[in-house]
Amino acid sequence: MAPYQRMKLRLVFREPGDWLFHCHIIEHEELGMMATIRIG
């Protein structure tokens, strides 16, 4: 994806809790491509 592009994802979580969403490229994680998704 190009910078500032957006995309929609549809995910299915079978268990509640905090899930980590991230890029596996370390430099990308440091630039903000990592987040916690909380499922209640």
N, C-alpha and C. Protein backbone atom coordinates (compact mmCIF):
# COMPACT_ATOMS: atom_id res chain seq x y z
N MET A 1 0.84 -1.17 0.00
CA MET A 1 0.00 0.00 0.00
C MET A 1 0.88 1.23 0.00
N ALA A 2 0.40 2.26 -0.63
CA ALA A 2 1.10 3.54 -0.63
C ALA A 2 0.84 4.26 0.68
N PRO A 3 1.71 5.21 1.04
CA PRO A 3 1.48 5.97 2.27
C PRO A 3 0.10 6.64 2.26
N TYR A 4 -0.53 6.65 3.41
CA TYR A 4 -1.83 7.29 3.66
C TYR A 4 -3.00 6.60 2.96
N GLN A 5 -2.78 5.44 2.37
CA GLN A 5 -3.90 4.68 1.83
C GLN A 5 -4.62 3.99 2.98
N ARG A 6 -5.85 3.64 2.75
CA ARG A 6 -6.65 2.94 3.76
C ARG A 6 -7.20 1.66 3.17
N MET A 7 -7.50 0.75 4.06
CA MET A 7 -8.18 -0.48 3.65
C MET A 7 -9.07 -0.93 4.79
N LYS A 8 -10.08 -1.69 4.46
CA LYS A 8 -10.97 -2.26 5.47
C LYS A 8 -10.68 -3.74 5.57
N LEU A 9 -10.67 -4.22 6.80
CA LEU A 9 -10.47 -5.64 7.07
C LEU A 9 -11.68 -6.18 7.81
N ARG A 10 -12.03 -7.39 7.52
CA ARG A 10 -13.07 -8.07 8.29
C ARG A 10 -12.40 -9.26 8.97
N LEU A 11 -12.42 -9.25 10.29
CA LEU A 11 -11.75 -10.28 11.07
C LEU A 11 -12.76 -11.00 11.96
N VAL A 12 -12.53 -12.26 12.20
CA VAL A 12 -13.36 -13.05 13.11
C VAL A 12 -12.51 -13.43 14.30
N PHE A 13 -12.96 -13.05 15.49
CA PHE A 13 -12.28 -13.41 16.73
C PHE A 13 -13.17 -14.38 17.48
N ARG A 14 -12.63 -15.53 17.81
CA ARG A 14 -13.41 -16.56 18.49
C ARG A 14 -13.24 -16.49 20.01
N GLU A 15 -12.29 -15.71 20.47
CA GLU A 15 -12.03 -15.58 21.91
C GLU A 15 -11.94 -14.10 22.28
N PRO A 16 -12.50 -13.69 23.42
CA PRO A 16 -12.34 -12.31 23.88
C PRO A 16 -10.92 -12.08 24.38
N GLY A 17 -10.56 -10.82 24.48
CA GLY A 17 -9.25 -10.46 25.02
C GLY A 17 -8.56 -9.42 24.17
N ASP A 18 -7.31 -9.18 24.47
CA ASP A 18 -6.49 -8.22 23.73
C ASP A 18 -5.67 -8.98 22.69
N TRP A 19 -5.74 -8.53 21.45
CA TRP A 19 -5.05 -9.16 20.34
C TRP A 19 -4.11 -8.15 19.71
N LEU A 20 -2.92 -8.59 19.36
CA LEU A 20 -1.92 -7.72 18.76
C LEU A 20 -2.02 -7.79 17.24
N PHE A 21 -2.08 -6.63 16.61
CA PHE A 21 -2.12 -6.51 15.15
C PHE A 21 -0.87 -5.74 14.77
N HIS A 22 -0.01 -6.32 13.91
CA HIS A 22 1.24 -5.63 13.61
C HIS A 22 1.84 -6.11 12.30
N CYS A 23 2.76 -5.31 11.80
CA CYS A 23 3.58 -5.65 10.64
C CYS A 23 4.82 -6.38 11.16
N HIS A 24 5.29 -7.38 10.43
CA HIS A 24 6.46 -8.13 10.87
C HIS A 24 7.78 -7.44 10.54
N ILE A 25 7.74 -6.33 9.85
CA ILE A 25 8.96 -5.58 9.56
C ILE A 25 9.19 -4.62 10.73
N ILE A 26 10.28 -4.80 11.46
CA ILE A 26 10.53 -4.06 12.70
C ILE A 26 10.45 -2.55 12.48
N GLU A 27 11.02 -2.06 11.41
CA GLU A 27 10.99 -0.61 11.16
C GLU A 27 9.55 -0.11 11.01
N HIS A 28 8.68 -0.92 10.44
CA HIS A 28 7.28 -0.52 10.29
C HIS A 28 6.58 -0.49 11.64
N GLU A 29 6.87 -1.46 12.49
CA GLU A 29 6.28 -1.45 13.83
C GLU A 29 6.65 -0.16 14.56
N GLU A 30 7.89 0.25 14.44
CA GLU A 30 8.36 1.46 15.12
C GLU A 30 7.70 2.71 14.56
N LEU A 31 7.18 2.65 13.34
CA LEU A 31 6.52 3.79 12.71
C LEU A 31 5.01 3.77 12.91
N GLY A 32 4.54 2.90 13.77
CA GLY A 32 3.12 2.91 14.12
C GLY A 32 2.28 1.81 13.51
N MET A 33 2.87 0.87 12.82
CA MET A 33 2.09 -0.21 12.22
C MET A 33 1.93 -1.37 13.20
N MET A 34 1.48 -1.01 14.40
CA MET A 34 1.22 -2.00 15.43
C MET A 34 0.12 -1.45 16.33
N ALA A 35 -0.84 -2.29 16.68
CA ALA A 35 -1.94 -1.84 17.52
C ALA A 35 -2.50 -3.03 18.30
N THR A 36 -3.18 -2.72 19.39
CA THR A 36 -3.89 -3.72 20.16
C THR A 36 -5.37 -3.60 19.84
N ILE A 37 -6.00 -4.75 19.58
CA ILE A 37 -7.44 -4.79 19.33
C ILE A 37 -8.07 -5.48 20.53
N ARG A 38 -8.99 -4.80 21.20
CA ARG A 38 -9.64 -5.37 22.39
C ARG A 38 -11.01 -5.91 22.00
N ILE A 39 -11.21 -7.20 22.23
CA ILE A 39 -12.47 -7.87 21.92
C ILE A 39 -13.18 -8.19 23.24
N GLY A 40 -14.41 -7.71 23.37
CA GLY A 40 -15.14 -7.89 24.62
C GLY A 40 -16.13 -9.00 24.57
